[in-house]
């Protein structure tokens, strides 16, 4: 699947939304990508994961880690496509952790996978968790990179599609100034 086909799939599944949104980062935007709406279709999720796996297969990845909540489904599908373990990290008391008996060994070669990257905060939290425990990170991947400037994670980053969508600080948001109601579709409490 090329970028045009992926964008078409996002639109066909109503995963590409227009309105007034508060992103998990606290920024506002008039466009939002809700990958859960595309990932609810296992055949499409599998195709997207296989596309990413084709690109990454030479990296000898042994474990895929996704941040909860957005990265869980796609990380699992990418792990399945690579035929490796797929786990997720989640916040407890605001701190990203591996829970539920999940672990990574010193020999694991880890790929961190997210559905949508805007500021990269959740991915950076997972990376910090893994680096704190001296784990070997191979790279970072996502379905969508919607950042204004591609985020530097300190590791190779690959997204299936780059959509540098506009975002605004709430104090400068033209939609707020117009009085349009804001929706908060993200899974993390905002930082604003």
N, C-alpha and C. Protein backbone atom coordinates (compact mmCIF):
# COMPACT_ATOMS: atom_id res chain seq x y z
N UNK A 1 0.84 -1.19 0.00
CA UNK A 1 0.00 0.00 0.00
C UNK A 1 0.89 1.25 0.00
N UNK A 2 0.60 2.16 -0.89
CA UNK A 2 1.34 3.42 -0.89
C UNK A 2 0.58 4.46 -0.05
N UNK A 3 1.17 5.65 0.08
CA UNK A 3 0.57 6.69 0.92
C UNK A 3 -0.84 7.07 0.49
N UNK A 4 -1.06 7.17 -0.82
CA UNK A 4 -2.40 7.52 -1.32
C UNK A 4 -3.42 6.46 -0.95
N UNK A 5 -3.04 5.19 -1.05
CA UNK A 5 -3.95 4.10 -0.70
C UNK A 5 -4.23 4.09 0.80
N UNK A 6 -3.22 4.36 1.60
CA UNK A 6 -3.41 4.39 3.05
C UNK A 6 -4.33 5.55 3.43
N UNK A 7 -4.12 6.72 2.85
CA UNK A 7 -5.00 7.86 3.12
C UNK A 7 -6.43 7.54 2.70
N UNK A 8 -6.59 6.88 1.58
CA UNK A 8 -7.91 6.49 1.11
C UNK A 8 -8.59 5.55 2.11
N UNK A 9 -7.85 4.59 2.64
CA UNK A 9 -8.39 3.66 3.63
C UNK A 9 -8.77 4.40 4.91
N UNK A 10 -7.94 5.35 5.34
CA UNK A 10 -8.26 6.14 6.53
C UNK A 10 -9.57 6.90 6.34
N UNK A 11 -9.75 7.45 5.15
CA UNK A 11 -10.98 8.20 4.87
C UNK A 11 -12.18 7.27 4.74
N UNK A 12 -12.02 6.13 4.06
CA UNK A 12 -13.12 5.18 3.85
C UNK A 12 -13.64 4.60 5.17
N UNK A 13 -12.76 4.46 6.14
CA UNK A 13 -13.15 3.89 7.44
C UNK A 13 -13.51 4.98 8.45
N UNK A 14 -13.60 6.22 7.97
CA UNK A 14 -13.92 7.37 8.82
C UNK A 14 -12.91 7.59 9.94
N UNK A 15 -11.67 7.16 9.70
CA UNK A 15 -10.60 7.35 10.68
C UNK A 15 -9.96 8.73 10.54
N UNK A 16 -10.17 9.39 9.41
CA UNK A 16 -9.65 10.74 9.17
C UNK A 16 -10.79 11.70 9.41
N UNK A 17 -10.72 12.44 10.51
CA UNK A 17 -11.84 13.26 10.97
C UNK A 17 -11.55 14.75 10.84
N UNK A 18 -12.61 15.53 10.68
CA UNK A 18 -12.52 16.99 10.63
C UNK A 18 -13.41 17.56 11.73
N UNK A 19 -12.95 18.60 12.40
CA UNK A 19 -13.70 19.22 13.48
C UNK A 19 -12.77 20.08 14.31
N UNK A 20 -12.96 20.08 15.62
CA UNK A 20 -12.12 20.83 16.57
C UNK A 20 -11.74 19.84 17.67
N UNK A 21 -10.47 19.46 17.68
CA UNK A 21 -10.02 18.39 18.56
C UNK A 21 -8.93 18.87 19.50
N UNK A 22 -8.95 18.37 20.73
CA UNK A 22 -7.83 18.52 21.64
C UNK A 22 -7.07 17.20 21.58
N UNK A 23 -5.82 17.27 21.14
CA UNK A 23 -4.98 16.09 21.03
C UNK A 23 -4.46 15.67 22.40
N UNK A 24 -3.97 14.45 22.51
CA UNK A 24 -3.41 13.97 23.77
C UNK A 24 -2.29 14.87 24.27
N UNK A 25 -1.61 15.53 23.35
CA UNK A 25 -0.51 16.44 23.70
C UNK A 25 -0.99 17.73 24.33
N UNK A 26 -2.30 18.01 24.22
CA UNK A 26 -2.85 19.27 24.69
C UNK A 26 -3.02 20.28 23.57
N UNK A 27 -2.38 20.02 22.41
CA UNK A 27 -2.54 20.89 21.25
C UNK A 27 -3.94 20.72 20.66
N UNK A 28 -4.38 21.69 19.89
CA UNK A 28 -5.66 21.62 19.19
C UNK A 28 -5.42 21.44 17.71
N UNK A 29 -6.38 20.84 17.01
CA UNK A 29 -6.27 20.64 15.56
C UNK A 29 -7.66 20.60 14.95
N UNK A 30 -7.71 20.91 13.66
CA UNK A 30 -8.98 20.81 12.93
C UNK A 30 -9.09 19.46 12.21
N UNK A 31 -8.06 18.62 12.34
CA UNK A 31 -8.07 17.29 11.75
C UNK A 31 -7.54 16.29 12.77
N UNK A 32 -8.06 15.09 12.74
CA UNK A 32 -7.69 14.06 13.71
C UNK A 32 -7.69 12.71 13.01
N UNK A 33 -6.72 11.89 13.33
CA UNK A 33 -6.67 10.53 12.79
C UNK A 33 -6.94 9.57 13.94
N UNK A 34 -8.09 8.91 13.89
CA UNK A 34 -8.50 7.95 14.92
C UNK A 34 -8.25 6.55 14.36
N UNK A 35 -7.02 6.06 14.54
CA UNK A 35 -6.64 4.78 13.94
C UNK A 35 -7.45 3.60 14.46
N UNK A 36 -8.05 3.73 15.63
CA UNK A 36 -8.90 2.65 16.13
C UNK A 36 -10.00 2.32 15.13
N UNK A 37 -10.46 3.34 14.41
CA UNK A 37 -11.53 3.12 13.43
C UNK A 37 -11.08 2.33 12.21
N UNK A 38 -9.81 2.42 11.86
CA UNK A 38 -9.29 1.60 10.77
C UNK A 38 -8.83 0.24 11.29
N UNK A 39 -8.29 0.21 12.50
CA UNK A 39 -7.78 -1.05 13.06
C UNK A 39 -8.88 -1.99 13.53
N UNK A 40 -10.13 -1.51 13.56
CA UNK A 40 -11.23 -2.40 13.93
C UNK A 40 -11.49 -3.45 12.84
N UNK A 41 -10.92 -3.23 11.67
CA UNK A 41 -11.06 -4.18 10.57
C UNK A 41 -9.79 -5.02 10.49
N UNK A 42 -9.83 -6.27 10.96
CA UNK A 42 -8.62 -7.09 11.02
C UNK A 42 -7.89 -7.24 9.68
N UNK A 43 -8.63 -7.31 8.60
CA UNK A 43 -7.96 -7.48 7.30
C UNK A 43 -7.15 -6.24 6.94
N UNK A 44 -7.67 -5.05 7.25
CA UNK A 44 -6.93 -3.82 6.96
C UNK A 44 -5.76 -3.68 7.93
N UNK A 45 -5.99 -3.96 9.20
CA UNK A 45 -4.91 -3.89 10.20
C UNK A 45 -3.76 -4.81 9.79
N UNK A 46 -4.12 -5.99 9.32
CA UNK A 46 -3.10 -6.96 8.90
C UNK A 46 -2.32 -6.44 7.69
N UNK A 47 -3.00 -5.84 6.72
CA UNK A 47 -2.32 -5.30 5.54
C UNK A 47 -1.36 -4.18 5.92
N UNK A 48 -1.80 -3.29 6.79
CA UNK A 48 -0.93 -2.20 7.24
C UNK A 48 0.29 -2.75 7.97
N UNK A 49 0.08 -3.71 8.85
CA UNK A 49 1.19 -4.30 9.60
C UNK A 49 2.15 -5.04 8.68
N UNK A 50 1.61 -5.74 7.70
CA UNK A 50 2.47 -6.46 6.76
C UNK A 50 3.31 -5.49 5.94
N UNK A 51 2.71 -4.35 5.58
CA UNK A 51 3.44 -3.32 4.84
C UNK A 51 4.63 -2.84 5.65
N UNK A 52 4.40 -2.58 6.93
CA UNK A 52 5.47 -2.14 7.81
C UNK A 52 6.50 -3.25 8.01
N UNK A 53 6.04 -4.47 8.18
CA UNK A 53 6.94 -5.61 8.39
C UNK A 53 7.87 -5.83 7.19
N UNK A 54 7.36 -5.62 5.99
CA UNK A 54 8.21 -5.75 4.79
C UNK A 54 9.38 -4.80 4.87
N UNK A 55 9.13 -3.60 5.34
CA UNK A 55 10.17 -2.59 5.46
C UNK A 55 11.17 -2.95 6.56
N UNK A 56 10.68 -3.56 7.65
CA UNK A 56 11.50 -3.79 8.84
C UNK A 56 12.08 -5.18 8.96
N UNK A 57 11.69 -6.10 8.14
CA UNK A 57 12.03 -7.50 8.33
C UNK A 57 13.52 -7.77 8.45
N UNK A 58 14.35 -6.99 7.81
CA UNK A 58 15.79 -7.22 7.85
C UNK A 58 16.41 -6.82 9.18
N UNK A 59 15.65 -6.20 10.06
CA UNK A 59 16.20 -5.68 11.32
C UNK A 59 16.34 -6.72 12.42
N UNK A 60 15.88 -7.93 12.18
CA UNK A 60 15.96 -9.02 13.17
C UNK A 60 15.34 -8.63 14.51
N UNK A 61 14.17 -8.04 14.44
CA UNK A 61 13.43 -7.64 15.63
C UNK A 61 12.94 -8.89 16.35
N UNK A 62 12.99 -8.89 17.67
CA UNK A 62 12.51 -10.05 18.45
C UNK A 62 11.29 -9.72 19.31
N UNK A 63 11.01 -8.41 19.48
CA UNK A 63 9.89 -8.02 20.32
C UNK A 63 9.38 -6.66 19.87
N UNK A 64 8.06 -6.52 19.82
CA UNK A 64 7.42 -5.25 19.48
C UNK A 64 6.70 -4.76 20.73
N UNK A 65 6.92 -3.48 21.07
CA UNK A 65 6.29 -2.88 22.25
C UNK A 65 5.48 -1.66 21.79
N UNK A 66 4.23 -1.62 22.19
CA UNK A 66 3.38 -0.49 21.88
C UNK A 66 2.90 0.19 23.14
N UNK A 67 2.78 1.52 23.13
CA UNK A 67 2.21 2.20 24.29
C UNK A 67 0.69 2.07 24.31
N UNK A 68 0.14 1.80 25.49
CA UNK A 68 -1.32 1.75 25.62
C UNK A 68 -1.84 3.18 25.55
N UNK A 69 -2.83 3.44 24.97
CA UNK A 69 -3.81 2.51 24.43
C UNK A 69 -3.69 2.41 22.90
N UNK A 70 -3.35 3.52 22.27
CA UNK A 70 -3.37 3.58 20.82
C UNK A 70 -2.46 2.58 20.12
N UNK A 71 -1.31 2.28 20.70
CA UNK A 71 -0.35 1.41 20.03
C UNK A 71 -0.57 -0.07 20.23
N UNK A 72 -1.49 -0.47 21.09
CA UNK A 72 -1.64 -1.88 21.45
C UNK A 72 -2.01 -2.75 20.25
N UNK A 73 -3.07 -2.41 19.56
CA UNK A 73 -3.56 -3.25 18.46
C UNK A 73 -2.55 -3.32 17.33
N UNK A 74 -2.02 -2.15 16.92
CA UNK A 74 -1.09 -2.15 15.79
C UNK A 74 0.22 -2.84 16.15
N UNK A 75 0.72 -2.64 17.37
CA UNK A 75 1.95 -3.33 17.80
C UNK A 75 1.75 -4.84 17.73
N UNK A 76 0.59 -5.31 18.16
CA UNK A 76 0.30 -6.75 18.09
C UNK A 76 0.32 -7.24 16.64
N UNK A 77 -0.33 -6.49 15.75
CA UNK A 77 -0.39 -6.90 14.34
C UNK A 77 1.00 -6.88 13.70
N UNK A 78 1.81 -5.89 14.03
CA UNK A 78 3.17 -5.84 13.49
C UNK A 78 3.97 -7.03 14.03
N UNK A 79 3.83 -7.33 15.32
CA UNK A 79 4.52 -8.49 15.91
C UNK A 79 4.09 -9.77 15.21
N UNK A 80 2.81 -9.89 14.95
CA UNK A 80 2.31 -11.09 14.25
C UNK A 80 2.90 -11.20 12.86
N UNK A 81 2.98 -10.07 12.15
CA UNK A 81 3.55 -10.07 10.81
C UNK A 81 5.03 -10.42 10.81
N UNK A 82 5.73 -10.03 11.88
CA UNK A 82 7.16 -10.34 12.01
C UNK A 82 7.40 -11.69 12.68
N UNK A 83 6.31 -12.31 13.17
CA UNK A 83 6.38 -13.58 13.89
C UNK A 83 7.27 -13.48 15.14
N UNK A 84 7.03 -12.41 15.93
CA UNK A 84 7.76 -12.19 17.18
C UNK A 84 6.74 -11.85 18.27
N UNK A 85 7.25 -11.70 19.51
CA UNK A 85 6.37 -11.32 20.62
C UNK A 85 5.89 -9.89 20.47
N UNK A 86 4.65 -9.65 20.89
CA UNK A 86 4.08 -8.31 20.89
C UNK A 86 3.53 -8.00 22.26
N UNK A 87 4.03 -6.95 22.90
CA UNK A 87 3.59 -6.58 24.25
C UNK A 87 3.27 -5.09 24.27
N UNK A 88 2.78 -4.60 25.40
CA UNK A 88 2.51 -3.18 25.51
C UNK A 88 2.92 -2.65 26.87
N UNK A 89 3.21 -1.36 26.88
CA UNK A 89 3.51 -0.65 28.13
C UNK A 89 2.29 0.23 28.43
N UNK A 90 2.05 0.45 29.70
CA UNK A 90 0.90 1.27 30.10
C UNK A 90 1.27 2.12 31.30
N UNK A 91 0.51 3.18 31.48
CA UNK A 91 0.78 4.07 32.61
C UNK A 91 0.10 3.56 33.88
N UNK A 92 0.85 3.61 34.95
CA UNK A 92 0.29 3.38 36.28
C UNK A 92 0.76 4.56 37.11
N UNK A 93 -0.20 5.28 37.68
CA UNK A 93 0.11 6.50 38.43
C UNK A 93 0.91 7.48 37.58
N UNK A 94 0.56 7.54 36.29
CA UNK A 94 1.18 8.48 35.37
C UNK A 94 2.55 8.09 34.84
N UNK A 95 3.03 6.90 35.20
CA UNK A 95 4.36 6.46 34.78
C UNK A 95 4.23 5.23 33.88
N UNK A 96 4.89 5.29 32.71
CA UNK A 96 4.85 4.17 31.76
C UNK A 96 5.61 2.99 32.34
N UNK A 97 4.95 1.82 32.30
CA UNK A 97 5.52 0.61 32.89
C UNK A 97 5.16 -0.61 32.04
N UNK A 98 5.98 -1.64 32.18
CA UNK A 98 5.60 -2.96 31.67
C UNK A 98 4.92 -3.65 32.83
N UNK A 99 3.68 -4.08 32.61
CA UNK A 99 2.89 -4.72 33.66
C UNK A 99 2.38 -6.05 33.12
N UNK A 100 1.48 -6.69 33.85
CA UNK A 100 0.81 -7.91 33.43
C UNK A 100 1.78 -9.06 33.16
N UNK A 101 2.96 -9.01 33.75
CA UNK A 101 3.96 -10.05 33.55
C UNK A 101 4.81 -9.87 32.30
N UNK A 102 4.59 -8.79 31.55
CA UNK A 102 5.41 -8.53 30.36
C UNK A 102 6.84 -8.20 30.79
N UNK A 103 7.77 -8.61 29.97
CA UNK A 103 9.18 -8.29 30.20
C UNK A 103 9.92 -8.33 28.86
N UNK A 104 11.08 -7.72 28.84
CA UNK A 104 11.98 -7.84 27.69
C UNK A 104 13.33 -8.27 28.23
N UNK A 105 13.99 -9.13 27.49
CA UNK A 105 15.29 -9.63 27.93
C UNK A 105 16.41 -8.76 27.38
N UNK A 106 17.59 -8.95 27.89
CA UNK A 106 18.75 -8.20 27.41
C UNK A 106 19.08 -8.55 25.97
N UNK A 107 18.64 -9.72 25.51
CA UNK A 107 18.92 -10.16 24.14
C UNK A 107 17.88 -9.66 23.14
N UNK A 108 16.74 -9.15 23.62
CA UNK A 108 15.70 -8.70 22.71
C UNK A 108 16.15 -7.50 21.89
N UNK A 109 15.70 -7.50 20.64
CA UNK A 109 15.90 -6.36 19.72
C UNK A 109 14.50 -5.78 19.50
N UNK A 110 14.26 -4.61 20.08
CA UNK A 110 12.90 -4.10 20.27
C UNK A 110 12.54 -3.02 19.25
N UNK A 111 11.32 -3.15 18.74
CA UNK A 111 10.71 -2.13 17.90
C UNK A 111 9.57 -1.52 18.71
N UNK A 112 9.55 -0.20 18.83
CA UNK A 112 8.45 0.50 19.50
C UNK A 112 7.47 0.95 18.42
N UNK A 113 6.20 0.58 18.57
CA UNK A 113 5.19 0.86 17.55
C UNK A 113 4.03 1.63 18.15
N UNK A 114 3.63 2.70 17.44
CA UNK A 114 2.50 3.54 17.83
C UNK A 114 1.55 3.64 16.65
N UNK A 115 0.29 3.99 16.90
CA UNK A 115 -0.62 4.17 15.77
C UNK A 115 -0.41 5.52 15.12
N UNK A 116 -0.46 6.61 15.90
CA UNK A 116 -0.28 7.96 15.38
C UNK A 116 0.76 8.70 16.23
N UNK A 117 1.70 9.35 15.57
CA UNK A 117 2.69 10.17 16.27
C UNK A 117 2.40 11.64 15.97
N UNK A 118 2.22 12.42 17.05
CA UNK A 118 2.07 13.87 16.91
C UNK A 118 3.28 14.54 17.56
N UNK A 119 3.39 14.43 18.87
CA UNK A 119 4.57 14.96 19.57
C UNK A 119 5.53 13.83 19.94
N UNK A 120 5.02 12.59 19.93
CA UNK A 120 5.85 11.44 20.27
C UNK A 120 5.97 11.19 21.75
N UNK A 121 5.15 11.85 22.56
CA UNK A 121 5.28 11.74 24.02
C UNK A 121 5.17 10.29 24.52
N UNK A 122 4.15 9.57 24.09
CA UNK A 122 3.97 8.19 24.56
C UNK A 122 5.13 7.30 24.14
N UNK A 123 5.58 7.46 22.89
CA UNK A 123 6.71 6.66 22.40
C UNK A 123 7.96 7.00 23.21
N UNK A 124 8.18 8.28 23.47
CA UNK A 124 9.35 8.68 24.25
C UNK A 124 9.31 8.11 25.66
N UNK A 125 8.11 7.99 26.23
CA UNK A 125 7.97 7.38 27.55
C UNK A 125 8.35 5.90 27.51
N UNK A 126 7.94 5.20 26.45
CA UNK A 126 8.30 3.78 26.30
C UNK A 126 9.80 3.65 26.10
N UNK A 127 10.37 4.50 25.26
CA UNK A 127 11.82 4.47 25.03
C UNK A 127 12.57 4.71 26.33
N UNK A 128 12.14 5.69 27.12
CA UNK A 128 12.80 5.98 28.40
C UNK A 128 12.73 4.77 29.33
N UNK A 129 11.58 4.12 29.36
CA UNK A 129 11.41 2.91 30.17
C UNK A 129 12.40 1.83 29.75
N UNK A 130 12.51 1.61 28.45
CA UNK A 130 13.41 0.57 27.94
C UNK A 130 14.88 0.95 28.14
N UNK A 131 15.22 2.21 27.88
CA UNK A 131 16.61 2.66 28.06
C UNK A 131 17.01 2.60 29.52
N UNK A 132 16.08 2.93 30.39
CA UNK A 132 16.36 2.89 31.84
C UNK A 132 16.79 1.48 32.25
N UNK A 133 16.27 0.49 31.55
CA UNK A 133 16.59 -0.91 31.84
C UNK A 133 17.61 -1.48 30.86
N UNK A 134 18.28 -0.59 30.11
CA UNK A 134 19.38 -0.95 29.20
C UNK A 134 18.98 -1.97 28.14
N UNK A 135 17.79 -1.78 27.57
CA UNK A 135 17.30 -2.68 26.53
C UNK A 135 17.68 -2.15 25.16
N UNK A 136 17.82 -3.06 24.19
CA UNK A 136 18.27 -2.70 22.84
C UNK A 136 17.08 -2.35 21.96
N UNK A 137 16.97 -1.08 21.63
CA UNK A 137 15.90 -0.59 20.77
C UNK A 137 16.44 -0.50 19.35
N UNK A 138 15.71 -1.10 18.41
CA UNK A 138 16.11 -1.11 17.00
C UNK A 138 15.54 0.10 16.28
N UNK A 139 14.31 0.47 16.63
CA UNK A 139 13.68 1.59 15.95
C UNK A 139 12.28 1.85 16.45
N UNK A 140 11.63 2.79 15.78
CA UNK A 140 10.27 3.22 16.10
C UNK A 140 9.48 3.23 14.80
N UNK A 141 8.20 2.85 14.88
CA UNK A 141 7.36 2.84 13.68
C UNK A 141 5.94 3.23 14.05
N UNK A 142 5.22 3.75 13.06
CA UNK A 142 3.82 4.11 13.27
C UNK A 142 3.06 4.00 11.95
N UNK A 143 1.74 4.00 12.07
CA UNK A 143 0.93 4.08 10.86
C UNK A 143 1.04 5.49 10.32
N UNK A 144 0.76 6.48 11.18
CA UNK A 144 0.70 7.88 10.76
C UNK A 144 1.72 8.71 11.54
N UNK A 145 2.46 9.54 10.83
CA UNK A 145 3.28 10.57 11.43
C UNK A 145 2.59 11.89 11.10
N UNK A 146 1.92 12.47 12.09
CA UNK A 146 1.20 13.72 11.85
C UNK A 146 1.92 14.91 12.45
N UNK A 147 3.18 14.69 12.84
CA UNK A 147 3.96 15.76 13.45
C UNK A 147 4.26 16.87 12.45
N UNK A 148 4.43 18.07 12.97
CA UNK A 148 4.78 19.20 12.12
C UNK A 148 6.16 18.96 11.52
N UNK A 149 7.11 18.64 12.37
CA UNK A 149 8.46 18.26 11.97
C UNK A 149 8.67 16.87 12.53
N UNK A 150 9.14 15.95 11.70
CA UNK A 150 9.29 14.57 12.16
C UNK A 150 10.02 14.53 13.50
N UNK A 151 9.46 13.80 14.44
CA UNK A 151 10.00 13.70 15.80
C UNK A 151 11.30 12.91 15.78
N UNK A 152 12.28 13.39 16.51
CA UNK A 152 13.56 12.68 16.65
C UNK A 152 13.49 11.84 17.92
N UNK A 153 13.42 10.53 17.74
CA UNK A 153 13.35 9.62 18.88
C UNK A 153 14.73 9.13 19.30
N UNK A 154 15.76 9.47 18.52
CA UNK A 154 17.09 8.95 18.80
C UNK A 154 17.31 7.57 18.18
N UNK A 155 16.31 7.09 17.46
CA UNK A 155 16.36 5.79 16.78
C UNK A 155 15.70 5.97 15.42
N UNK A 156 16.00 5.10 14.46
CA UNK A 156 15.33 5.21 13.16
C UNK A 156 13.81 5.16 13.33
N UNK A 157 13.13 6.04 12.61
CA UNK A 157 11.67 6.14 12.69
C UNK A 157 11.09 6.00 11.29
N UNK A 158 10.11 5.10 11.18
CA UNK A 158 9.45 4.88 9.90
C UNK A 158 7.94 4.90 10.12
N UNK A 159 7.24 5.69 9.31
CA UNK A 159 5.78 5.67 9.34
C UNK A 159 5.27 5.26 7.96
N UNK A 160 4.08 4.68 7.94
CA UNK A 160 3.49 4.28 6.67
C UNK A 160 3.02 5.48 5.87
N UNK A 161 2.59 6.53 6.58
CA UNK A 161 2.14 7.74 5.90
C UNK A 161 2.49 8.96 6.75
N UNK A 162 2.94 9.99 6.08
CA UNK A 162 3.24 11.25 6.76
C UNK A 162 2.15 12.26 6.41
N UNK A 163 1.44 12.72 7.44
CA UNK A 163 0.38 13.71 7.29
C UNK A 163 0.67 14.86 8.25
N UNK A 164 1.48 15.83 7.85
CA UNK A 164 1.81 16.93 8.76
C UNK A 164 0.61 17.86 8.94
N UNK A 165 -0.33 17.42 9.75
CA UNK A 165 -1.56 18.17 9.97
C UNK A 165 -1.31 19.35 10.90
N UNK A 166 -2.11 20.38 10.70
CA UNK A 166 -1.96 21.59 11.51
C UNK A 166 -2.36 21.31 12.96
N UNK A 167 -1.63 21.95 13.85
CA UNK A 167 -2.01 21.92 15.26
C UNK A 167 -1.69 23.28 15.86
N UNK A 168 -2.40 23.61 16.94
CA UNK A 168 -2.31 24.93 17.54
C UNK A 168 -2.23 24.80 19.05
N UNK A 169 -1.49 25.74 19.67
CA UNK A 169 -1.58 25.85 21.12
C UNK A 169 -2.97 26.40 21.42
N UNK A 170 -3.61 25.96 22.48
CA UNK A 170 -4.96 26.43 22.78
C UNK A 170 -5.08 27.96 22.79
N UNK A 171 -4.04 28.64 23.26
CA UNK A 171 -4.08 30.11 23.33
C UNK A 171 -4.09 30.77 21.95
N UNK A 172 -3.65 30.03 20.91
CA UNK A 172 -3.61 30.57 19.55
C UNK A 172 -4.55 29.82 18.60
N UNK A 173 -5.46 29.04 19.12
CA UNK A 173 -6.31 28.19 18.29
C UNK A 173 -7.42 29.02 17.63
N UNK A 174 -7.45 29.05 16.28
CA UNK A 174 -8.50 29.82 15.61
C UNK A 174 -9.89 29.23 15.83
N UNK A 175 -9.97 27.92 16.07
CA UNK A 175 -11.25 27.27 16.31
C UNK A 175 -11.82 27.67 17.67
N UNK A 176 -10.93 27.81 18.66
CA UNK A 176 -11.36 28.30 19.98
C UNK A 176 -11.87 29.73 19.86
N UNK A 177 -11.13 30.54 19.09
CA UNK A 177 -11.52 31.95 18.92
C UNK A 177 -12.87 32.08 18.23
N UNK A 178 -13.22 31.07 17.39
CA UNK A 178 -14.53 31.07 16.74
C UNK A 178 -15.62 30.50 17.65
N UNK A 179 -15.21 29.98 18.82
CA UNK A 179 -16.17 29.43 19.77
C UNK A 179 -16.65 28.03 19.45
N UNK A 180 -15.92 27.32 18.59
CA UNK A 180 -16.32 25.95 18.23
C UNK A 180 -16.02 25.01 19.39
N UNK A 181 -16.98 24.14 19.73
CA UNK A 181 -16.75 23.19 20.84
C UNK A 181 -15.60 22.24 20.50
N UNK A 182 -14.83 21.90 21.51
CA UNK A 182 -13.67 21.04 21.33
C UNK A 182 -13.99 19.61 21.77
N UNK A 183 -13.54 18.64 20.99
CA UNK A 183 -13.69 17.21 21.32
C UNK A 183 -12.33 16.69 21.76
N UNK A 184 -12.33 15.75 22.71
CA UNK A 184 -11.10 15.15 23.23
C UNK A 184 -11.14 13.64 22.97
N UNK A 185 -10.78 13.22 21.75
CA UNK A 185 -10.88 11.80 21.42
C UNK A 185 -9.72 10.95 21.89
N UNK A 186 -8.61 11.53 22.37
CA UNK A 186 -7.43 10.76 22.76
C UNK A 186 -7.65 9.94 24.02
N UNK A 187 -6.71 9.03 24.28
CA UNK A 187 -6.84 8.14 25.42
C UNK A 187 -6.04 8.63 26.64
N UNK A 188 -5.18 9.63 26.46
CA UNK A 188 -4.37 10.12 27.56
C UNK A 188 -4.95 11.45 28.04
N UNK A 189 -4.86 11.67 29.34
CA UNK A 189 -5.28 12.97 29.87
C UNK A 189 -4.41 14.04 29.25
N UNK A 190 -4.99 15.13 28.83
CA UNK A 190 -4.23 16.18 28.16
C UNK A 190 -3.31 16.88 29.14
N UNK A 191 -2.34 17.59 28.57
CA UNK A 191 -1.35 18.29 29.39
C UNK A 191 -1.68 19.77 29.49
N UNK A 192 -2.82 20.18 28.93
CA UNK A 192 -3.15 21.61 28.97
C UNK A 192 -3.86 21.98 30.26
